């Protein structure tokens, strides 16, 4: 069950519970009212029997749906009960006054059925099922049209245009009672639309929450707040970005020795620690590549200190890995988990890339390829952090790095895919 379905199920359970509680209140109120105003004792007895039966049934329905189950069954049974009440009440009243043989059917149009159907339809809408109030409205329309049919085809019917005569005699103004049909039908349609809108709002809210939670997996909180404020932030563009790749050394060999469960849990723990550091320095997680992580600084929003934060992030990841090894309680430091981090700064194209069915916000370009290949040199050069000359030059504006930290040039290194050697640095 999806998150939206789960939330709707919870809302429907609560709504159905409320509808049955209000049904019980309405049945008790209607029964009580008949003790003070009735045409015959038989009318009161019939109302009492029917109300008792449906009140007990409503309590059973409350028990049935207590765990969010049997919602459809309870909903349809509730609708059937409501439709039965709408049919039973006018029949009971009509029988009490002598039925059609003694009383013209115009009596049916002057009962309090319209006053009863309004709360019944309103109560049904609390279950947030759009077709519940719609079905009850259609049921009332059918009953009311049947009454109008009986009236128009009864020879005793007297048509009048006098309002007083319409109200206080068997004469009727047809258009007056036709308005009941229009008014209640409109009310039912509005309630159905409100139910539909409410359900859609719940669904949209859940979708938005899911989207936000998905964004939180890739972007740090401060970047995420900017994303929410700027609608066009994911449009394709070319910009200068820091790309950082990290990878666990000899992970393939290690994973072959361990169980799948251990490997998955190991990666979860490792990634959670690295992600915490990445978010701390405002990095954007582009993707996880097995045990590797691709991170960018400057997407979707660039900052003047992207390079500074990227290097601080790499140093933070180094510290986090050291703590990770201590927590793993690996006694021999030669067996500690090691990682390589490669960093490059340059032009990339960023945007939503993929097909209509599967889009992914990412960056592409030679900068990405070079950062990945710099990271692959970490093992060869026995370094855990390597970065390009372009990146190192950007750091010179931050004196804290050039003076307090030992940034070392390793020389010109051959990089696969590059015609000329690349100057690499470490720290």
Protein backbone atom coordinates (compact mmCIF):
# COMPACT_ATOMS: atom_id res chain seq x y z
CA UNK A 1 0.00 0.00 0.00
CA UNK A 2 1.43 3.40 -1.04
CA UNK A 3 1.81 6.26 1.40
CA UNK A 4 -1.14 8.16 -0.12
CA UNK A 5 -3.32 5.04 0.03
CA UNK A 6 -2.29 4.47 3.63
CA UNK A 7 -3.18 8.04 4.60
CA UNK A 8 -6.49 7.85 2.73
CA UNK A 9 -7.25 4.57 4.46
CA UNK A 10 -6.65 6.24 7.82
CA UNK A 11 -8.84 9.21 6.90
CA UNK A 12 -11.59 6.95 5.55
CA UNK A 13 -11.54 4.83 8.69
CA UNK A 14 -11.93 7.94 10.82
CA UNK A 15 -14.58 9.35 8.48
CA UNK A 16 -16.62 6.13 8.39
CA UNK A 17 -16.45 5.90 12.16
CA UNK A 18 -17.86 9.41 12.40
CA UNK A 19 -20.63 8.64 9.88
CA UNK A 20 -21.85 5.67 11.93
CA UNK A 21 -21.70 7.67 15.15
CA UNK A 22 -23.81 10.41 13.55
CA UNK A 23 -26.18 7.79 12.11
CA UNK A 24 -26.74 6.48 15.63
CA UNK A 25 -27.40 10.03 16.89
CA UNK A 26 -29.78 10.70 13.97
CA UNK A 27 -31.68 7.43 14.54
CA UNK A 28 -32.03 8.11 18.25
CA UNK A 29 -33.17 11.70 17.58
CA UNK A 30 -35.70 10.58 14.95
CA UNK A 31 -37.11 7.88 17.23
CA UNK A 32 -37.36 10.33 20.13
CA UNK A 33 -39.13 12.85 17.89
CA UNK A 34 -41.77 10.28 16.97
CA UNK A 35 -42.74 9.90 20.62
CA UNK A 36 -43.81 13.54 20.64
CA UNK A 37 -45.35 13.74 17.18
CA UNK A 38 -47.03 10.74 15.56
CA UNK A 39 -50.21 9.74 13.76
CA UNK A 40 -50.59 6.27 15.28
CA UNK A 41 -49.00 3.96 17.84
CA UNK A 42 -48.09 1.63 14.97
CA UNK A 43 -45.94 4.39 13.46
CA UNK A 44 -43.94 4.74 16.69
CA UNK A 45 -43.53 0.96 17.06
CA UNK A 46 -42.28 0.56 13.49
CA UNK A 47 -39.85 3.45 13.89
CA UNK A 48 -38.60 1.99 17.18
CA UNK A 49 -38.00 -1.45 15.68
CA UNK A 50 -36.20 -0.12 12.59
CA UNK A 51 -34.14 2.37 14.60
CA UNK A 52 -33.10 -0.29 17.12
CA UNK A 53 -32.05 -2.65 14.34
CA UNK A 54 -29.97 -0.06 12.50
CA UNK A 55 -28.50 1.37 15.72
CA UNK A 56 -27.21 -2.07 16.68
CA UNK A 57 -25.99 -2.52 13.10
CA UNK A 58 -24.10 0.77 13.29
CA UNK A 59 -22.38 -0.31 16.49
CA UNK A 60 -21.37 -3.54 14.77
CA UNK A 61 -19.99 -1.55 11.83
CA UNK A 62 -17.91 0.54 14.26
CA UNK A 63 -16.45 -2.71 15.58
CA UNK A 64 -15.91 -4.02 12.05
CA UNK A 65 -13.86 -1.04 10.84
CA UNK A 66 -11.85 -0.45 14.02
CA UNK A 67 -8.59 -1.60 12.37
CA UNK A 68 -9.09 0.09 9.02
CA UNK A 69 -10.45 -3.09 7.45
CA UNK A 70 -13.74 -3.85 5.69
CA UNK A 71 -14.12 -0.17 4.80
CA UNK A 72 -15.86 -0.79 1.48
CA UNK A 73 -18.25 -3.33 3.01
CA UNK A 74 -19.09 -0.98 5.87
CA UNK A 75 -19.50 1.94 3.48
CA UNK A 76 -21.90 0.12 1.17
CA UNK A 77 -23.90 -1.32 4.07
CA UNK A 78 -24.20 2.19 5.48
CA UNK A 79 -25.47 3.45 2.11
CA UNK A 80 -28.04 0.64 1.92
CA UNK A 81 -29.21 1.52 5.43
CA UNK A 82 -29.57 5.19 4.48
CA UNK A 83 -31.52 4.34 1.31
CA UNK A 84 -33.79 2.03 3.32
CA UNK A 85 -34.48 4.83 5.82
CA UNK A 86 -35.32 7.24 2.97
CA UNK A 87 -37.85 4.72 1.64
CA UNK A 88 -39.16 3.55 5.01
CA UNK A 89 -39.89 6.93 6.59
CA UNK A 90 -42.41 8.26 4.01
CA UNK A 91 -43.98 4.80 3.74
CA UNK A 92 -44.38 4.62 7.53
CA UNK A 93 -45.93 8.09 7.67
CA UNK A 94 -48.26 7.35 4.78
CA UNK A 95 -49.43 4.07 6.31
CA UNK A 96 -50.08 5.85 9.61
CA UNK A 97 -52.52 8.33 8.02
CA UNK A 98 -54.45 5.75 5.97
CA UNK A 99 -52.26 5.15 2.90
CA UNK A 100 -53.19 5.98 -0.71
CA UNK A 101 -56.76 4.65 -0.42
CA UNK A 102 -57.67 7.35 2.12
CA UNK A 103 -55.13 10.12 1.59
CA UNK A 104 -54.04 11.68 -1.75
CA UNK A 105 -50.35 11.08 -2.62
CA UNK A 106 -49.77 14.84 -2.44
CA UNK A 107 -49.30 14.13 1.26
CA UNK A 108 -45.96 12.50 0.44
CA UNK A 109 -44.61 15.75 -0.99
CA UNK A 110 -45.47 17.55 2.24
CA UNK A 111 -43.65 15.22 4.61
CA UNK A 112 -40.30 16.08 6.22
CA UNK A 113 -38.35 13.75 3.92
CA UNK A 114 -36.34 16.63 2.36
CA UNK A 115 -35.38 17.76 5.87
CA UNK A 116 -34.17 14.24 6.71
CA UNK A 117 -32.26 13.59 3.48
CA UNK A 118 -30.02 16.66 3.93
CA UNK A 119 -28.31 15.44 7.16
CA UNK A 120 -28.18 11.87 5.79
CA UNK A 121 -26.36 12.98 2.63
CA UNK A 122 -24.09 15.30 4.65
CA UNK A 123 -23.18 12.53 7.08
CA UNK A 124 -22.30 10.18 4.20
CA UNK A 125 -19.83 12.74 2.81
CA UNK A 126 -17.74 12.49 5.99
CA UNK A 127 -16.44 9.14 4.70
CA UNK A 128 -14.64 11.19 1.95
CA UNK A 129 -15.95 8.89 -0.77
CA UNK A 130 -17.31 11.19 -3.52
CA UNK A 131 -19.90 8.71 -4.77
CA UNK A 132 -21.50 8.15 -1.31
CA UNK A 133 -23.40 11.47 -1.23
CA UNK A 134 -23.96 11.14 -4.98
CA UNK A 135 -25.61 7.72 -4.62
CA UNK A 136 -27.85 8.96 -1.79
CA UNK A 137 -28.79 12.04 -3.81
CA UNK A 138 -29.73 9.87 -6.79
CA UNK A 139 -31.75 7.62 -4.44
CA UNK A 140 -33.65 10.65 -3.10
CA UNK A 141 -34.22 11.93 -6.64
CA UNK A 142 -35.69 8.56 -7.62
CA UNK A 143 -37.98 8.53 -4.57
CA UNK A 144 -39.07 12.13 -5.09
CA UNK A 145 -39.72 11.63 -8.80
CA UNK A 146 -41.81 8.59 -7.90
CA UNK A 147 -43.85 10.76 -5.52
CA UNK A 148 -44.31 13.39 -8.26
CA UNK A 149 -45.40 10.62 -10.63
CA UNK A 150 -48.00 9.39 -8.13
CA UNK A 151 -49.26 12.93 -7.57
CA UNK A 152 -49.53 13.86 -11.25
CA UNK A 153 -51.32 10.59 -12.07
CA UNK A 154 -53.78 10.68 -9.18
CA UNK A 155 -57.25 12.06 -10.14
CA UNK A 156 -57.61 13.58 -6.67
CA UNK A 157 -54.66 15.88 -7.20
CA UNK A 158 -55.56 19.57 -7.31
CA UNK A 159 -53.11 21.89 -9.01
CA UNK A 160 -52.95 25.39 -7.57
CA UNK A 161 -50.81 28.52 -7.72
CA UNK A 162 -51.85 29.72 -4.27
CA UNK A 163 -49.04 29.23 -1.75
CA UNK A 164 -51.31 29.10 1.29
CA UNK A 165 -53.54 26.50 -0.36
CA UNK A 166 -50.42 24.54 -1.32
CA UNK A 167 -49.21 24.50 2.27
CA UNK A 168 -52.46 23.83 4.11
CA UNK A 169 -54.50 21.59 1.81
CA UNK A 170 -54.08 18.62 -0.51
CA UNK A 171 -53.56 20.97 -3.46
CA UNK A 172 -50.02 21.32 -4.80
CA UNK A 173 -47.83 23.72 -6.76
CA UNK A 174 -45.74 21.23 -8.85
CA UNK A 175 -42.87 23.67 -9.43
CA UNK A 176 -42.59 24.28 -5.67
CA UNK A 177 -41.82 20.61 -5.01
CA UNK A 178 -39.70 20.29 -8.13
CA UNK A 179 -37.41 22.87 -6.54
CA UNK A 180 -36.70 20.40 -3.73
CA UNK A 181 -35.34 18.09 -6.39
CA UNK A 182 -33.06 20.76 -7.83
CA UNK A 183 -31.87 22.06 -4.46
CA UNK A 184 -31.03 18.70 -2.91
CA UNK A 185 -29.46 17.40 -6.13
CA UNK A 186 -27.23 20.48 -6.24
CA UNK A 187 -26.30 20.05 -2.58
CA UNK A 188 -25.40 16.39 -3.14
CA UNK A 189 -23.30 17.28 -6.19
CA UNK A 190 -21.44 19.96 -4.23
CA UNK A 191 -20.74 17.56 -1.36
CA UNK A 192 -19.49 14.96 -3.84
CA UNK A 193 -17.17 17.52 -5.41
CA UNK A 194 -15.88 18.58 -1.97
CA UNK A 195 -15.16 14.92 -1.14
CA UNK A 196 -13.30 14.54 -4.43
CA UNK A 197 -11.31 17.74 -3.81
CA UNK A 198 -10.43 16.64 -0.28
CA UNK A 199 -9.24 13.22 -1.48
CA UNK A 200 -7.17 14.86 -4.21
CA UNK A 201 -5.69 17.30 -1.69
CA UNK A 202 -4.64 14.39 0.52
CA UNK A 203 -3.09 12.61 -2.45
CA UNK A 204 -1.29 15.76 -3.64
CA UNK A 205 -0.04 16.46 -0.12
CA UNK A 206 1.38 12.94 0.17
CA UNK A 207 3.00 13.18 -3.29
CA UNK A 208 4.58 16.49 -2.30
CA UNK A 209 5.80 14.97 0.96
CA UNK A 210 7.30 12.01 -0.91
CA UNK A 211 8.97 14.36 -3.40
CA UNK A 212 10.42 16.40 -0.55
CA UNK A 213 11.70 13.27 1.17
CA UNK A 214 13.28 12.18 -2.11
CA UNK A 215 14.94 15.58 -2.51
CA UNK A 216 16.25 15.31 1.05
CA UNK A 217 18.16 12.21 -0.01
CA UNK A 218 20.20 14.21 -2.51
CA UNK A 219 20.41 17.78 -1.22
CA UNK A 220 21.52 19.27 2.06
CA UNK A 221 18.79 21.16 4.00
CA UNK A 222 20.10 24.62 3.08
CA UNK A 223 20.22 23.74 -0.64
CA UNK A 224 16.78 22.13 -0.40
CA UNK A 225 15.27 25.34 0.97
CA UNK A 226 16.59 27.23 -2.07
CA UNK A 227 15.21 24.57 -4.41
CA UNK A 228 11.71 25.01 -2.98
CA UNK A 229 11.87 28.77 -3.49
CA UNK A 230 13.03 28.76 -7.13
CA UNK A 231 10.77 26.86 -9.56
CA UNK A 232 13.19 26.97 -12.51
CA UNK A 233 16.18 25.73 -10.57
CA UNK A 234 16.35 22.34 -12.37
CA UNK A 235 16.43 23.79 -15.89
CA UNK A 236 19.38 22.70 -17.99
CA UNK A 237 22.36 25.03 -17.75
CA UNK A 238 26.15 25.18 -18.10
CA UNK A 239 28.12 26.23 -15.07
CA UNK A 240 31.34 25.70 -13.16
CA UNK A 241 30.95 22.99 -10.55
CA UNK A 242 33.09 20.96 -8.18
CA UNK A 243 32.72 17.22 -8.76
CA UNK A 244 33.87 14.83 -6.03
CA UNK A 245 34.07 11.05 -6.36
CA UNK A 246 34.72 8.74 -3.43
CA UNK A 247 35.24 5.00 -3.50
CA UNK A 248 36.14 2.24 -1.03
CA UNK A 249 39.45 0.55 -1.78
CA UNK A 250 39.21 -3.19 -2.55
CA UNK A 251 35.52 -3.27 -1.78
CA UNK A 252 34.81 -5.96 -4.42
CA UNK A 253 37.24 -8.38 -2.80
CA UNK A 254 35.87 -7.64 0.64
CA UNK A 255 32.23 -8.12 -0.42
CA UNK A 256 33.00 -11.53 -1.89
CA UNK A 257 34.14 -12.78 1.53
CA UNK A 258 31.09 -11.52 3.46
CA UNK A 259 27.40 -12.40 3.43
CA UNK A 260 25.03 -10.21 1.35
CA UNK A 261 23.30 -9.05 4.54
CA UNK A 262 26.58 -7.89 6.05
CA UNK A 263 27.64 -6.08 2.87
CA UNK A 264 24.34 -4.22 2.59
CA UNK A 265 24.38 -3.21 6.26
CA UNK A 266 28.05 -2.21 5.97
CA UNK A 267 27.29 0.08 3.00
CA UNK A 268 24.29 1.60 4.76
CA UNK A 269 26.41 2.48 7.76
CA UNK A 270 29.28 3.77 5.63
CA UNK A 271 27.04 5.83 3.35
CA UNK A 272 25.06 7.30 6.24
CA UNK A 273 28.27 8.60 7.81
CA UNK A 274 29.55 10.03 4.53
CA UNK A 275 26.21 11.61 3.66
CA UNK A 276 26.14 13.35 7.04
CA UNK A 277 29.49 14.98 6.25
CA UNK A 278 28.46 15.83 2.66
CA UNK A 279 25.30 17.57 3.86
CA UNK A 280 27.23 19.35 6.60
CA UNK A 281 29.25 21.13 3.91
CA UNK A 282 26.35 21.74 1.54
CA UNK A 283 27.18 19.09 -1.04
CA UNK A 284 24.66 17.58 -3.45
CA UNK A 285 24.61 13.80 -3.79
CA UNK A 286 24.41 13.10 -7.50
CA UNK A 287 24.29 9.32 -7.18
CA UNK A 288 25.50 6.25 -5.35
CA UNK A 289 27.54 3.91 -7.55
CA UNK A 290 27.79 0.71 -5.55
CA UNK A 291 30.18 1.63 -2.76
CA UNK A 292 31.08 4.88 -4.54
CA UNK A 293 29.49 8.30 -4.13
CA UNK A 294 29.37 11.11 -6.68
CA UNK A 295 28.97 14.54 -5.09
CA UNK A 296 28.75 18.01 -6.56
CA UNK A 297 29.24 21.46 -5.08
CA UNK A 298 27.60 24.25 -7.05
CA UNK A 299 24.44 22.41 -8.12
CA UNK A 300 21.72 23.34 -8.36
CA UNK A 301 22.89 26.63 -6.83
CA UNK A 302 26.53 27.77 -7.01
CA UNK A 303 28.28 29.51 -4.12
CA UNK A 304 31.58 31.44 -4.09
CA UNK A 305 33.07 28.99 -1.58
CA UNK A 306 32.15 25.75 -3.39
CA UNK A 307 35.79 24.64 -3.65
CA UNK A 308 36.52 25.43 -0.02
CA UNK A 309 33.51 23.43 1.16
CA UNK A 310 34.38 20.56 -1.19
CA UNK A 311 37.86 20.20 0.34
CA UNK A 312 36.48 20.54 3.87
CA UNK A 313 34.03 17.82 2.95
CA UNK A 314 36.83 15.53 1.74
CA UNK A 315 38.74 16.09 4.97
CA UNK A 316 35.54 15.46 6.94
CA UNK A 317 34.98 12.21 5.08
CA UNK A 318 38.54 11.19 5.93
CA UNK A 319 37.82 11.82 9.63
CA UNK A 320 34.46 10.03 9.46
CA UNK A 321 36.12 6.99 7.87
CA UNK A 322 38.74 6.93 10.63
CA UNK A 323 35.94 6.87 13.24
CA UNK A 324 34.13 4.21 11.22
CA UNK A 325 37.17 1.97 11.35
CA UNK A 326 37.45 2.46 15.11
CA UNK A 327 33.77 1.58 15.52
CA UNK A 328 34.29 -1.57 13.45
CA UNK A 329 36.92 -2.54 16.05
CA UNK A 330 39.43 -3.68 13.47
CA UNK A 331 42.59 -4.16 15.52
CA UNK A 332 45.08 -4.38 12.67
CA UNK A 333 45.31 -1.00 10.96
CA UNK A 334 46.57 -2.69 7.82
CA UNK A 335 43.07 -4.11 7.46
CA UNK A 336 41.27 -0.81 7.97
CA UNK A 337 38.72 0.29 5.41
CA UNK A 338 40.29 2.82 3.06
CA UNK A 339 38.82 5.15 0.50
CA UNK A 340 39.92 7.29 -2.38
CA UNK A 341 38.53 10.76 -3.08
CA UNK A 342 39.03 12.53 -6.40
CA UNK A 343 38.07 16.19 -6.96
CA UNK A 344 37.98 18.40 -10.02
CA UNK A 345 36.54 21.84 -10.77
CA UNK A 346 35.27 22.82 -14.19
CA UNK A 347 32.40 23.29 -16.60
CA UNK A 348 29.48 20.86 -16.55
CA UNK A 349 26.00 20.71 -18.00
CA UNK A 350 23.40 20.15 -15.28
CA UNK A 351 19.69 19.40 -15.55
CA UNK A 352 17.04 16.69 -15.60
CA UNK A 353 18.47 14.05 -17.92
CA UNK A 354 16.79 10.82 -19.07
CA UNK A 355 13.53 9.75 -20.67
CA UNK A 356 9.99 10.95 -20.00
CA UNK A 357 9.40 7.91 -17.78
CA UNK A 358 12.68 8.22 -15.85
CA UNK A 359 14.34 11.58 -15.24
CA UNK A 360 17.35 12.18 -13.02
CA UNK A 361 18.92 15.48 -12.02
CA UNK A 362 22.64 15.08 -12.72
CA UNK A 363 25.72 16.68 -14.25
CA UNK A 364 27.60 15.59 -17.37
CA UNK A 365 30.77 16.65 -19.11
CA UNK A 366 34.53 16.16 -19.14
CA UNK A 367 34.80 17.54 -15.60
CA UNK A 368 32.84 14.54 -14.33
CA UNK A 369 35.01 12.07 -16.25
CA UNK A 370 38.23 13.65 -15.04
CA UNK A 371 37.11 13.71 -11.40
CA UNK A 372 36.29 10.00 -11.64
CA UNK A 373 39.68 9.17 -13.17
CA UNK A 374 41.51 11.27 -10.59
CA UNK A 375 39.79 9.22 -7.88
CA UNK A 376 40.92 6.00 -9.57
CA UNK A 377 44.54 7.20 -9.22
CA UNK A 378 44.29 7.26 -5.41
CA UNK A 379 45.17 3.58 -5.08
CA UNK A 380 48.04 3.81 -7.54
CA UNK A 381 49.55 6.82 -5.77
CA UNK A 382 48.68 5.56 -2.25
CA UNK A 383 46.74 8.72 -1.45
CA UNK A 384 43.23 9.05 -0.07
CA UNK A 385 42.56 12.55 -1.47
CA UNK A 386 43.61 13.80 -4.90
CA UNK A 387 42.53 16.89 -6.80
CA UNK A 388 43.31 18.73 -9.99
CA UNK A 389 45.38 21.86 -10.51
CA UNK A 390 42.26 23.80 -11.50
CA UNK A 391 40.72 22.95 -8.16
CA UNK A 392 43.93 23.78 -6.29
CA UNK A 393 44.12 27.20 -7.98
CA UNK A 394 40.61 28.00 -6.80
CA UNK A 395 41.72 27.24 -3.25
CA UNK A 396 44.49 29.86 -3.33
CA UNK A 397 41.91 32.57 -2.63
CA UNK A 398 41.31 30.90 0.73
CA UNK A 399 44.56 31.55 2.63
CA UNK A 400 43.58 29.16 5.40
CA UNK A 401 44.20 26.26 3.02
CA UNK A 402 47.32 27.49 1.29
CA UNK A 403 49.06 28.47 4.55
CA UNK A 404 47.71 26.25 7.35
CA UNK A 405 47.31 23.05 5.38
CA UNK A 406 49.96 21.16 3.48
CA UNK A 407 48.68 21.11 -0.06
CA UNK A 408 51.26 19.12 -1.98
CA UNK A 409 51.82 18.89 -5.69
CA UNK A 410 52.48 15.32 -6.79
CA UNK A 411 53.58 16.21 -10.30
CA UNK A 412 52.32 15.48 -13.78
CA UNK A 413 50.38 12.22 -13.83
CA UNK A 414 49.20 10.28 -16.86
CA UNK A 415 45.40 10.05 -16.85
CA UNK A 416 43.51 7.62 -19.07
CA UNK A 417 41.63 9.49 -21.77
CA UNK A 418 43.87 12.57 -21.56
CA UNK A 419 46.54 13.32 -24.18
CA UNK A 420 48.59 15.44 -21.79
CA UNK A 421 49.54 14.55 -18.21
CA UNK A 422 47.46 16.19 -15.47
CA UNK A 423 48.91 17.99 -12.46
CA UNK A 424 47.59 16.32 -9.31
CA UNK A 425 47.63 17.61 -5.75
CA UNK A 426 46.93 16.09 -2.34
CA UNK A 427 46.52 17.38 1.20
